Each structure stands twice: as structure tokens, then as C-alpha cells.
């Protein structure tokens, strides 16, 4: 639908504009400051939600319904968070060799937003990374895209929404993690029929990452960071794997209520807007690979 494509496109515009290797000498320093970038991101995701909101209202979904109360036990939340953090550790294992390969040829797949020690930076980064970003992304990708596709089956809706969520990030390093976590958050949404828990898990995951990168690691030596990061990665993978396999037998998804004459995947990925959108994201990933400075 138009609302979905417009929203995803608006969000992606930010990534392709602000994540490129820009010439610092060609523009004012204030424009490239991380504080301004995070502030811009906040406005971008808020703008992107407008067409999704209009579309969902036309489909009979209200924001109150999507954020409705749900009876979820603390153990469900713990399990979801453990698996989410485990996926973070898991993706690290194959992102590291991929990044190493690019580094060998003088390139990097990682995007550095930069840091600062100003109050403006800490407030803007916290607002976007921990609060506004996760909430708006859940409203768009789970509350909009996934909810709109559920009539074709929960599995199909989760796969498509998580793929879009992954490629929207516009870089190779984040694609794997965002896609897997998008699938987890999508499953949480379809099982609870509410965005509350998926938002909570998304917020906690981002808070955990921000606490490490902006508050803990800068105060440790490089050797300590490497040792701690790999120890934490292995621990998260083990805990996440244990929790996942304990919960695996309880995983179930509903089939679609709308039967199509062809596979929903074939019908979806042969649409011109979808082809153009994914082509656009592939280009974004390509341009996000930049030469290593120095």
C-alpha cells in the first residue's frame, strides 16, 4: 500500500543522506555534529509515521487498539529480551569477519555517527535511540506493515516486515541484526496483539547497546573493551540459545485468512513498487560502504 512505501522511503532518505561519507570541509561543522543528526532522525521518523497512521485508520486500526493492554507474564518478557540480546551476540560472529574482509581492501561497512560530551548530545541520542526511534519503528513496521499483511498469514507478514526493517537500516553491518530482531519483534506482536511488549523489548535492547557504547566502553582501555565485548557476546549467545530452545516448542503462527491464487511471496516480490524499493535499499547498502579514513 502507498502509506507503507511512503513511510519506509521517508525513513530511508535519512540514512542515505546522513550516513554517506560527507566532506566535512564542504559544509558547516554544526550540520555534521551527532547532536544535529540525532535531532534530524527524530523528525524524520515522526514524519514517516504520518502516512502509516492515515492508512491504519482507513483500515479500521486505531492507535489505541495497537497499544492495547495485553496479559503477558514477566517470564515472557525475560525470554524475549534474552533472545533479542542473544541475536545481537550471534550476528556479531558473522559481522566481524565480513567487516574484516572489507577492511582488508581498505573499506568499512560500519557507520560512525560520532559522539560528543555535550548535554545536547546525550539528550538527543537517548531520545532517538532509546525512546522515539524504537517507538516509531514499531508503529511503522509492526503496527503498520506487519499488521496490514497479517491477512495473508502471520509467517508471511513477519518475514516481509522484518526484511523491510533490516534493509531500511541501509548498511550491511546492521542488516543482519535488524532483520532477525525484526522477526522476533514481529512474533511478539502477533502473539500479544499489542505493540506494548515489542516496543518494550526494542527500547530495552537499544538502551543496553547505548549504555555499552556511550557510557561503559569509552571509560575502559581498548584491551579491556575487546575482552569484555567478546565475553559478553558469548554469554548472550549461550543464554539466548538456551531460552530459545526452551520456548521453541511453543512457537505457533496463524495461516492467512485470504487465500491467493499464487504464492503471496511471488505476488509481493513481483510488484513494481516492491522491486524499486528493494533496489533502492540495495543501493543504500552499496553507498554505505566507505573507504577507511587515514
C-alpha atoms as a PDB file:
ATOM      1  CA  UNK A   1       0.000   0.000   0.000  1.00  0.00           C
ATOM      2  CA  UNK A   2       1.065   3.582  -0.589  1.00  0.00           C
ATOM      3  CA  UNK A   3       1.286   4.503   3.084  1.00  0.00           C
ATOM      4  CA  UNK A   4       3.766   1.726   3.793  1.00  0.00           C
ATOM      5  CA  UNK A   5       6.028   2.571   0.868  1.00  0.00           C
ATOM      6  CA  UNK A   6       5.968   6.302   1.567  1.00  0.00           C
ATOM      7  CA  UNK A   7       6.832   5.755   5.230  1.00  0.00           C
ATOM      8  CA  UNK A   8       9.689   3.345   4.565  1.00  0.00           C
ATOM      9  CA  UNK A   9      11.007   5.643   1.844  1.00  0.00           C
ATOM     10  CA  UNK A  10      10.936   8.685   4.134  1.00  0.00           C
ATOM     11  CA  UNK A  11      12.831   6.824   6.857  1.00  0.00           C
ATOM     12  CA  UNK A  12      15.392   5.539   4.379  1.00  0.00           C
ATOM     13  CA  UNK A  13      16.002   9.022   2.953  1.00  0.00           C
ATOM     14  CA  UNK A  14      17.621   9.991   6.217  1.00  0.00           C
ATOM     15  CA  UNK A  15      20.009   7.070   6.169  1.00  0.00           C
ATOM     16  CA  UNK A  16      21.223   7.669   2.621  1.00  0.00           C
ATOM     17  CA  UNK A  17      21.701  11.410   3.228  1.00  0.00           C
ATOM     18  CA  UNK A  18      23.295  11.380   6.665  1.00  0.00           C
ATOM     19  CA  UNK A  19      25.197   8.090   6.552  1.00  0.00           C
ATOM     20  CA  UNK A  20      27.266   8.893   3.480  1.00  0.00           C
ATOM     21  CA  UNK A  21      30.908   9.848   3.814  1.00  0.00           C
ATOM     22  CA  UNK A  22      30.308  13.601   3.641  1.00  0.00           C
ATOM     23  CA  UNK A  23      33.029  16.170   3.025  1.00  0.00           C
ATOM     24  CA  UNK A  24      33.421  17.991   6.323  1.00  0.00           C
ATOM     25  CA  UNK A  25      35.171  20.947   4.671  1.00  0.00           C
ATOM     26  CA  UNK A  26      32.262  21.432   2.285  1.00  0.00           C
ATOM     27  CA  UNK A  27      29.621  22.126   4.918  1.00  0.00           C
ATOM     28  CA  UNK A  28      29.333  23.811   8.330  1.00  0.00           C
ATOM     29  CA  UNK A  29      30.601  21.709  11.227  1.00  0.00           C
ATOM     30  CA  UNK A  30      27.291  22.084  13.070  1.00  0.00           C
ATOM     31  CA  UNK A  31      25.468  20.195  10.297  1.00  0.00           C
ATOM     32  CA  UNK A  32      27.638  17.137  10.801  1.00  0.00           C
ATOM     33  CA  UNK A  33      27.546  17.170  14.595  1.00  0.00           C
ATOM     34  CA  UNK A  34      25.997  13.995  16.074  1.00  0.00           C
ATOM     35  CA  UNK A  35      23.569  16.141  18.059  1.00  0.00           C
ATOM     36  CA  UNK A  36      22.055  17.592  14.895  1.00  0.00           C
ATOM     37  CA  UNK A  37      21.997  14.201  13.175  1.00  0.00           C
ATOM     38  CA  UNK A  38      20.043  12.610  16.019  1.00  0.00           C
ATOM     39  CA  UNK A  39      17.658  15.552  16.116  1.00  0.00           C
ATOM     40  CA  UNK A  40      17.084  15.180  12.375  1.00  0.00           C
ATOM     41  CA  UNK A  41      16.417  11.471  12.843  1.00  0.00           C
ATOM     42  CA  UNK A  42      13.734  12.230  15.404  1.00  0.00           C
ATOM     43  CA  UNK A  43      11.848  14.459  12.980  1.00  0.00           C
ATOM     44  CA  UNK A  44      12.301  12.005  10.111  1.00  0.00           C
ATOM     45  CA  UNK A  45      10.728   9.048  11.933  1.00  0.00           C
ATOM     46  CA  UNK A  46       7.906  11.205  13.246  1.00  0.00           C
ATOM     47  CA  UNK A  47       7.196  12.394   9.693  1.00  0.00           C
ATOM     48  CA  UNK A  48       7.347   8.834   8.354  1.00  0.00           C
ATOM     49  CA  UNK A  49       4.599   7.685  10.691  1.00  0.00           C
ATOM     50  CA  UNK A  50       2.010  10.101   9.280  1.00  0.00           C
ATOM     51  CA  UNK A  51       1.090   8.065   6.133  1.00  0.00           C
ATOM     52  CA  UNK A  52       1.097   4.852   8.192  1.00  0.00           C
ATOM     53  CA  UNK A  53      -1.283   6.423  10.708  1.00  0.00           C
ATOM     54  CA  UNK A  54      -3.641   7.566   7.940  1.00  0.00           C
ATOM     55  CA  UNK A  55      -3.552   4.139   6.274  1.00  0.00           C
ATOM     56  CA  UNK A  56      -4.202   2.243   9.510  1.00  0.00           C
ATOM     57  CA  UNK A  57      -7.135   4.497  10.373  1.00  0.00           C
ATOM     58  CA  UNK A  58      -8.651   3.770   6.966  1.00  0.00           C
ATOM     59  CA  UNK A  59      -8.183   0.042   7.635  1.00  0.00           C
ATOM     60  CA  UNK A  60     -10.040   0.348  10.933  1.00  0.00           C
ATOM     61  CA  UNK A  61      -6.965   0.093  13.194  1.00  0.00           C
ATOM     62  CA  UNK A  62      -6.705   2.781  15.831  1.00  0.00           C
ATOM     63  CA  UNK A  63      -3.584   3.638  17.783  1.00  0.00           C
ATOM     64  CA  UNK A  64      -5.436   2.721  20.958  1.00  0.00           C
ATOM     65  CA  UNK A  65      -6.082  -0.774  19.632  1.00  0.00           C
ATOM     66  CA  UNK A  66      -2.457  -1.293  18.628  1.00  0.00           C
ATOM     67  CA  UNK A  67      -1.225  -0.175  22.034  1.00  0.00           C
ATOM     68  CA  UNK A  68      -3.922  -2.035  23.933  1.00  0.00           C
ATOM     69  CA  UNK A  69      -3.240  -3.910  27.139  1.00  0.00           C
ATOM     70  CA  UNK A  70      -2.058  -7.485  26.907  1.00  0.00           C
ATOM     71  CA  UNK A  71      -1.699 -10.195  29.516  1.00  0.00           C
ATOM     72  CA  UNK A  72       1.954 -11.160  29.353  1.00  0.00           C
ATOM     73  CA  UNK A  73       3.929 -12.781  32.138  1.00  0.00           C
ATOM     74  CA  UNK A  74       7.304 -11.428  33.272  1.00  0.00           C
ATOM     75  CA  UNK A  75       8.868 -14.708  32.091  1.00  0.00           C
ATOM     76  CA  UNK A  76       7.679 -13.980  28.524  1.00  0.00           C
ATOM     77  CA  UNK A  77       9.342 -10.549  28.629  1.00  0.00           C
ATOM     78  CA  UNK A  78      12.549 -12.012  30.060  1.00  0.00           C
ATOM     79  CA  UNK A  79      12.622 -14.734  27.397  1.00  0.00           C
ATOM     80  CA  UNK A  80      12.034 -12.222  24.591  1.00  0.00           C
ATOM     81  CA  UNK A  81      14.775  -9.912  25.868  1.00  0.00           C
ATOM     82  CA  UNK A  82      17.220 -12.801  26.339  1.00  0.00           C
ATOM     83  CA  UNK A  83      16.642 -13.999  22.769  1.00  0.00           C
ATOM     84  CA  UNK A  84      16.924 -10.453  21.437  1.00  0.00           C
ATOM     85  CA  UNK A  85      20.279  -9.889  23.131  1.00  0.00           C
ATOM     86  CA  UNK A  86      21.362 -13.366  22.046  1.00  0.00           C
ATOM     87  CA  UNK A  87      20.674 -12.415  18.436  1.00  0.00           C
ATOM     88  CA  UNK A  88      22.868  -9.370  18.964  1.00  0.00           C
ATOM     89  CA  UNK A  89      25.728 -11.622  20.001  1.00  0.00           C
ATOM     90  CA  UNK A  90      25.046 -14.096  17.209  1.00  0.00           C
ATOM     91  CA  UNK A  91      25.150 -11.501  14.458  1.00  0.00           C
ATOM     92  CA  UNK A  92      28.426 -10.185  15.855  1.00  0.00           C
ATOM     93  CA  UNK A  93      30.031 -13.534  14.976  1.00  0.00           C
ATOM     94  CA  UNK A  94      29.472 -13.118  11.245  1.00  0.00           C
ATOM     95  CA  UNK A  95      29.611  -9.305  11.087  1.00  0.00           C
ATOM     96  CA  UNK A  96      33.191  -9.345  12.402  1.00  0.00           C
ATOM     97  CA  UNK A  97      34.612 -11.487   9.538  1.00  0.00           C
ATOM     98  CA  UNK A  98      32.561  -9.539   6.973  1.00  0.00           C
ATOM     99  CA  UNK A  99      33.921  -6.257   8.295  1.00  0.00           C
ATOM    100  CA  UNK A 100      37.406  -7.769   8.397  1.00  0.00           C
ATOM    101  CA  UNK A 101      37.157  -8.685   4.723  1.00  0.00           C
ATOM    102  CA  UNK A 102      36.143  -5.161   3.767  1.00  0.00           C
ATOM    103  CA  UNK A 103      38.894  -3.731   5.989  1.00  0.00           C
ATOM    104  CA  UNK A 104      41.426  -5.853   4.130  1.00  0.00           C
ATOM    105  CA  UNK A 105      40.583  -3.929   0.960  1.00  0.00           C
ATOM    106  CA  UNK A 106      40.511  -0.550   2.708  1.00  0.00           C
ATOM    107  CA  UNK A 107      36.761  -0.197   3.269  1.00  0.00           C
ATOM    108  CA  UNK A 108      34.347  -0.361   6.189  1.00  0.00           C
ATOM    109  CA  UNK A 109      30.685  -1.347   6.461  1.00  0.00           C
ATOM    110  CA  UNK A 110      30.277   0.358   9.835  1.00  0.00           C
ATOM    111  CA  UNK A 111      28.649   3.754  10.190  1.00  0.00           C
ATOM    112  CA  UNK A 112      30.017   6.087  12.827  1.00  0.00           C
ATOM    113  CA  UNK A 113      27.533   8.724  13.924  1.00  0.00           C
ATOM    114  CA  UNK A 114      30.167  10.284  16.137  1.00  0.00           C
ATOM    115  CA  UNK A 115      29.998  11.177  19.797  1.00  0.00           C
ATOM    116  CA  UNK A 116      30.153  14.275  21.905  1.00  0.00           C
ATOM    117  CA  UNK A 117      30.370  15.177  25.567  1.00  0.00           C
ATOM    118  CA  UNK A 118      27.667  17.829  25.460  1.00  0.00           C
ATOM    119  CA  UNK A 119      24.337  17.602  27.241  1.00  0.00           C
ATOM    120  CA  UNK A 120      22.613  18.159  23.884  1.00  0.00           C
ATOM    121  CA  UNK A 121      24.286  15.025  22.535  1.00  0.00           C
ATOM    122  CA  UNK A 122      23.299  12.798  25.450  1.00  0.00           C
ATOM    123  CA  UNK A 123      19.707  14.046  25.399  1.00  0.00           C
ATOM    124  CA  UNK A 124      19.261  13.789  21.617  1.00  0.00           C
ATOM    125  CA  UNK A 125      20.942  10.371  21.337  1.00  0.00           C
ATOM    126  CA  UNK A 126      18.914   8.996  24.251  1.00  0.00           C
ATOM    127  CA  UNK A 127      15.633  10.372  22.888  1.00  0.00           C
ATOM    128  CA  UNK A 128      16.207   8.891  19.447  1.00  0.00           C
ATOM    129  CA  UNK A 129      17.982   5.609  20.191  1.00  0.00           C
ATOM    130  CA  UNK A 130      16.066   4.595  23.322  1.00  0.00           C
ATOM    131  CA  UNK A 131      12.651   6.241  23.049  1.00  0.00           C
ATOM    132  CA  UNK A 132      11.393   7.874  19.855  1.00  0.00           C
ATOM    133  CA  UNK A 133      13.262   5.651  17.378  1.00  0.00           C
ATOM    134  CA  UNK A 134      12.066   2.294  18.792  1.00  0.00           C
ATOM    135  CA  UNK A 135       8.506   3.516  19.341  1.00  0.00           C
ATOM    136  CA  UNK A 136       8.131   4.964  15.844  1.00  0.00           C
ATOM    137  CA  UNK A 137       9.799   1.961  14.192  1.00  0.00           C
ATOM    138  CA  UNK A 138       7.423  -0.395  15.978  1.00  0.00           C
ATOM    139  CA  UNK A 139       4.434   1.697  14.926  1.00  0.00           C
ATOM    140  CA  UNK A 140       5.608   1.660  11.302  1.00  0.00           C
ATOM    141  CA  UNK A 141       6.990  -1.861  10.867  1.00  0.00           C
ATOM    142  CA  UNK A 142       4.929  -3.949  13.271  1.00  0.00           C
ATOM    143  CA  UNK A 143       1.853  -1.747  13.716  1.00  0.00           C
ATOM    144  CA  UNK A 144       1.689  -0.740  10.051  1.00  0.00           C
ATOM    145  CA  UNK A 145       3.428  -3.128   7.666  1.00  0.00           C
ATOM    146  CA  UNK A 146       3.063  -6.367   9.616  1.00  0.00           C
ATOM    147  CA  UNK A 147      -0.495  -5.658  10.723  1.00  0.00           C
ATOM    148  CA  UNK A 148      -1.506  -4.815   7.172  1.00  0.00           C
ATOM    149  CA  UNK A 149      -0.084  -8.104   5.830  1.00  0.00           C
ATOM    150  CA  UNK A 150      -1.411 -10.474   8.511  1.00  0.00           C
ATOM    151  CA  UNK A 151      -4.430 -11.395   6.402  1.00  0.00           C
ATOM    152  CA  UNK A 152      -2.006 -13.335   4.185  1.00  0.00           C
ATOM    153  CA  UNK A 153      -0.573 -15.240   7.136  1.00  0.00           C
ATOM    154  CA  UNK A 154       1.456 -14.354  10.206  1.00  0.00           C
ATOM    155  CA  UNK A 155       4.608 -16.014   8.889  1.00  0.00           C
ATOM    156  CA  UNK A 156       4.450 -14.082   5.621  1.00  0.00           C
ATOM    157  CA  UNK A 157       3.755 -10.810   7.462  1.00  0.00           C
ATOM    158  CA  UNK A 158       6.657 -11.339   9.873  1.00  0.00           C
ATOM    159  CA  UNK A 159       9.145 -12.227   7.118  1.00  0.00           C
ATOM    160  CA  UNK A 160       8.244  -9.287   4.881  1.00  0.00           C
ATOM    161  CA  UNK A 161       8.155  -6.721   7.688  1.00  0.00           C
ATOM    162  CA  UNK A 162      11.454  -7.953   9.159  1.00  0.00           C
ATOM    163  CA  UNK A 163      13.170  -7.873   5.741  1.00  0.00           C
ATOM    164  CA  UNK A 164      11.993  -4.311   5.187  1.00  0.00           C
ATOM    165  CA  UNK A 165      13.104  -3.410   8.701  1.00  0.00           C
ATOM    166  CA  UNK A 166      16.535  -4.896   8.005  1.00  0.00           C
ATOM    167  CA  UNK A 167      17.203  -3.289   4.633  1.00  0.00           C
ATOM    168  CA  UNK A 168      15.798   0.053   5.810  1.00  0.00           C
ATOM    169  CA  UNK A 169      18.855   0.469   8.030  1.00  0.00           C
ATOM    170  CA  UNK A 170      20.819   0.875   4.828  1.00  0.00           C
ATOM    171  CA  UNK A 171      24.073  -0.804   5.751  1.00  0.00           C
ATOM    172  CA  UNK A 172      25.437  -4.337   5.791  1.00  0.00           C
ATOM    173  CA  UNK A 173      26.510  -4.319   9.442  1.00  0.00           C
ATOM    174  CA  UNK A 174      23.026  -3.560  10.748  1.00  0.00           C
ATOM    175  CA  UNK A 175      21.050  -5.534   8.164  1.00  0.00           C
ATOM    176  CA  UNK A 176      21.535  -8.980   9.722  1.00  0.00           C
ATOM    177  CA  UNK A 177      20.739  -7.982  13.287  1.00  0.00           C
ATOM    178  CA  UNK A 178      17.814  -5.730  12.356  1.00  0.00           C
ATOM    179  CA  UNK A 179      16.232  -8.459  10.200  1.00  0.00           C
ATOM    180  CA  UNK A 180      16.493 -11.145  12.888  1.00  0.00           C
ATOM    181  CA  UNK A 181      15.322  -8.838  15.662  1.00  0.00           C
ATOM    182  CA  UNK A 182      12.543  -7.607  13.390  1.00  0.00           C
ATOM    183  CA  UNK A 183      11.324 -11.197  13.093  1.00  0.00           C
ATOM    184  CA  UNK A 184      11.410 -11.601  16.879  1.00  0.00           C
ATOM    185  CA  UNK A 185       9.544  -8.347  17.459  1.00  0.00           C
ATOM    186  CA  UNK A 186       7.045  -9.330  14.782  1.00  0.00           C
ATOM    187  CA  UNK A 187       6.410 -12.655  16.512  1.00  0.00           C
ATOM    188  CA  UNK A 188       5.913 -10.858  19.828  1.00  0.00           C
ATOM    189  CA  UNK A 189       3.373  -8.573  18.192  1.00  0.00           C
ATOM    190  CA  UNK A 190       1.304 -11.329  16.599  1.00  0.00           C
ATOM    191  CA  UNK A 191       1.292 -13.362  19.836  1.00  0.00           C
ATOM    192  CA  UNK A 192       0.241 -10.450  22.044  1.00  0.00           C
ATOM    193  CA  UNK A 193      -1.796  -8.446  19.500  1.00  0.00           C
ATOM    194  CA  UNK A 194      -0.322  -5.348  21.039  1.00  0.00           C
ATOM    195  CA  UNK A 195       2.719  -3.196  20.371  1.00  0.00           C
ATOM    196  CA  UNK A 196       3.418  -2.689  24.060  1.00  0.00           C
ATOM    197  CA  UNK A 197       5.767  -5.631  24.526  1.00  0.00           C
ATOM    198  CA  UNK A 198       7.561  -5.273  21.181  1.00  0.00           C
ATOM    199  CA  UNK A 199       8.165  -1.598  21.993  1.00  0.00           C
ATOM    200  CA  UNK A 200       9.420  -2.521  25.468  1.00  0.00           C
ATOM    201  CA  UNK A 201      11.870  -5.125  24.119  1.00  0.00           C
ATOM    202  CA  UNK A 202      13.039  -2.733  21.398  1.00  0.00           C
ATOM    203  CA  UNK A 203      13.590   0.032  23.966  1.00  0.00           C
ATOM    204  CA  UNK A 204      15.477  -2.243  26.383  1.00  0.00           C
ATOM    205  CA  UNK A 205      17.680  -3.613  23.602  1.00  0.00           C
ATOM    206  CA  UNK A 206      18.625  -0.123  22.427  1.00  0.00           C
ATOM    207  CA  UNK A 207      19.167   1.071  25.996  1.00  0.00           C
ATOM    208  CA  UNK A 208      21.537  -1.844  26.582  1.00  0.00           C
ATOM    209  CA  UNK A 209      23.514  -1.022  23.419  1.00  0.00           C
ATOM    210  CA  UNK A 210      23.657   2.708  24.187  1.00  0.00           C
ATOM    211  CA  UNK A 211      24.826   2.065  27.747  1.00  0.00           C
ATOM    212  CA  UNK A 212      27.691  -0.063  26.445  1.00  0.00           C
ATOM    213  CA  UNK A 213      28.804   2.159  23.583  1.00  0.00           C
ATOM    214  CA  UNK A 214      28.381   5.609  25.133  1.00  0.00           C
ATOM    215  CA  UNK A 215      28.817   5.062  28.859  1.00  0.00           C
ATOM    216  CA  UNK A 216      30.832   1.902  29.577  1.00  0.00           C
ATOM    217  CA  UNK A 217      33.266   1.305  26.703  1.00  0.00           C
ATOM    218  CA  UNK A 218      34.623   4.889  26.498  1.00  0.00           C
ATOM    219  CA  UNK A 219      35.810   4.526  30.099  1.00  0.00           C
ATOM    220  CA  UNK A 220      37.687   1.255  29.510  1.00  0.00           C
ATOM    221  CA  UNK A 221      41.014   0.537  27.877  1.00  0.00           C
ATOM    222  CA  UNK A 222      40.971  -0.866  24.350  1.00  0.00           C
ATOM    223  CA  UNK A 223      42.216  -4.261  25.526  1.00  0.00           C
ATOM    224  CA  UNK A 224      39.542  -4.413  28.239  1.00  0.00           C
ATOM    225  CA  UNK A 225      36.826  -3.481  25.746  1.00  0.00           C
ATOM    226  CA  UNK A 226      37.853  -6.315  23.407  1.00  0.00           C
ATOM    227  CA  UNK A 227      37.980  -8.860  26.242  1.00  0.00           C
ATOM    228  CA  UNK A 228      34.701  -7.716  27.784  1.00  0.00           C
ATOM    229  CA  UNK A 229      32.883  -7.446  24.455  1.00  0.00           C
ATOM    230  CA  UNK A 230      33.749 -10.977  23.364  1.00  0.00           C
ATOM    231  CA  UNK A 231      32.953 -12.414  26.808  1.00  0.00           C
ATOM    232  CA  UNK A 232      29.608 -10.640  26.763  1.00  0.00           C
ATOM    233  CA  UNK A 233      28.922 -11.781  23.186  1.00  0.00           C
ATOM    234  CA  UNK A 234      29.475 -15.445  24.030  1.00  0.00           C
ATOM    235  CA  UNK A 235      27.417 -15.169  27.225  1.00  0.00           C
ATOM    236  CA  UNK A 236      24.493 -13.538  25.388  1.00  0.00           C
ATOM    237  CA  UNK A 237      24.564 -16.194  22.652  1.00  0.00           C
ATOM    238  CA  UNK A 238      24.509 -19.038  25.181  1.00  0.00           C
ATOM    239  CA  UNK A 239      21.719 -17.533  27.282  1.00  0.00           C
ATOM    240  CA  UNK A 240      19.686 -16.605  24.204  1.00  0.00           C
ATOM    241  CA  UNK A 241      20.116 -20.082  22.693  1.00  0.00           C
ATOM    242  CA  UNK A 242      19.055 -21.835  25.899  1.00  0.00           C
ATOM    243  CA  UNK A 243      15.953 -19.674  26.243  1.00  0.00           C
ATOM    244  CA  UNK A 244      15.071 -20.024  22.550  1.00  0.00           C
ATOM    245  CA  UNK A 245      15.216 -23.827  22.515  1.00  0.00           C
ATOM    246  CA  UNK A 246      13.140 -23.960  25.672  1.00  0.00           C
ATOM    247  CA  UNK A 247      10.499 -21.785  24.028  1.00  0.00           C
ATOM    248  CA  UNK A 248      10.745 -23.283  20.524  1.00  0.00           C
ATOM    249  CA  UNK A 249       8.079 -25.952  21.024  1.00  0.00           C
ATOM    250  CA  UNK A 250       5.547 -23.265  21.938  1.00  0.00           C
ATOM    251  CA  UNK A 251       6.034 -21.242  18.753  1.00  0.00           C
ATOM    252  CA  UNK A 252       2.972 -21.228  16.512  1.00  0.00           C
ATOM    253  CA  UNK A 253       1.661 -18.927  13.802  1.00  0.00           C
ATOM    254  CA  UNK A 254      -1.729 -18.493  12.157  1.00  0.00           C
ATOM    255  CA  UNK A 255      -2.332 -19.089   8.468  1.00  0.00           C
ATOM    256  CA  UNK A 256      -3.745 -16.303   6.354  1.00  0.00           C
ATOM    257  CA  UNK A 257      -7.477 -15.724   6.101  1.00  0.00           C
ATOM    258  CA  UNK A 258      -7.088 -14.555   2.488  1.00  0.00           C
ATOM    259  CA  UNK A 259      -6.184 -17.266   0.013  1.00  0.00           C
ATOM    260  CA  UNK A 260      -4.352 -16.129  -3.115  1.00  0.00           C
ATOM    261  CA  UNK A 261      -4.158 -17.949  -6.490  1.00  0.00           C
ATOM    262  CA  UNK A 262      -0.348 -17.632  -6.345  1.00  0.00           C
ATOM    263  CA  UNK A 263       2.218 -17.637  -3.570  1.00  0.00           C
ATOM    264  CA  UNK A 264       1.998 -14.418  -1.520  1.00  0.00           C
ATOM    265  CA  UNK A 265       5.786 -14.103  -1.818  1.00  0.00           C
ATOM    266  CA  UNK A 266       5.625 -14.275  -5.610  1.00  0.00           C
ATOM    267  CA  UNK A 267       2.751 -11.826  -5.649  1.00  0.00           C
ATOM    268  CA  UNK A 268       4.580  -9.432  -3.355  1.00  0.00           C
ATOM    269  CA  UNK A 269       8.081  -9.512  -4.831  1.00  0.00           C
ATOM    270  CA  UNK A 270       6.875  -9.165  -8.426  1.00  0.00           C
ATOM    271  CA  UNK A 271       5.178  -5.839  -7.713  1.00  0.00           C
ATOM    272  CA  UNK A 272       6.979  -2.899  -9.317  1.00  0.00           C
ATOM    273  CA  UNK A 273       6.913  -0.685  -6.162  1.00  0.00           C
ATOM    274  CA  UNK A 274       8.422  -3.523  -4.107  1.00  0.00           C
ATOM    275  CA  UNK A 275      11.142  -4.186  -6.684  1.00  0.00           C
ATOM    276  CA  UNK A 276      12.031  -0.481  -6.800  1.00  0.00           C
ATOM    277  CA  UNK A 277      12.019  -0.210  -3.015  1.00  0.00           C
ATOM    278  CA  UNK A 278      14.379  -3.145  -2.503  1.00  0.00           C
ATOM    279  CA  UNK A 279      16.589  -1.912  -5.361  1.00  0.00           C
ATOM    280  CA  UNK A 280      16.783   1.432  -3.615  1.00  0.00           C
ATOM    281  CA  UNK A 281      17.803  -0.246  -0.357  1.00  0.00           C
ATOM    282  CA  UNK A 282      20.480  -2.294  -2.107  1.00  0.00           C
ATOM    283  CA  UNK A 283      21.916   0.933  -3.492  1.00  0.00           C
ATOM    284  CA  UNK A 284      21.854   2.385   0.016  1.00  0.00           C
ATOM    285  CA  UNK A 285      23.863  -0.562   1.307  1.00  0.00           C
ATOM    286  CA  UNK A 286      26.353  -0.147  -1.520  1.00  0.00           C
ATOM    287  CA  UNK A 287      26.968   3.544  -0.875  1.00  0.00           C
ATOM    288  CA  UNK A 288      27.224   2.929   2.889  1.00  0.00           C
ATOM    289  CA  UNK A 289      30.468   1.011   2.290  1.00  0.00           C
ATOM    290  CA  UNK A 290      33.064   3.750   2.600  1.00  0.00           C
ATOM    291  CA  UNK A 291      36.885   3.979   2.494  1.00  0.00           C
ATOM    292  CA  UNK A 292      38.660   3.797   5.832  1.00  0.00           C
ATOM    293  CA  UNK A 293      39.928   7.240   6.740  1.00  0.00           C
ATOM    294  CA  UNK A 294      43.604   7.687   7.370  1.00  0.00           C
END
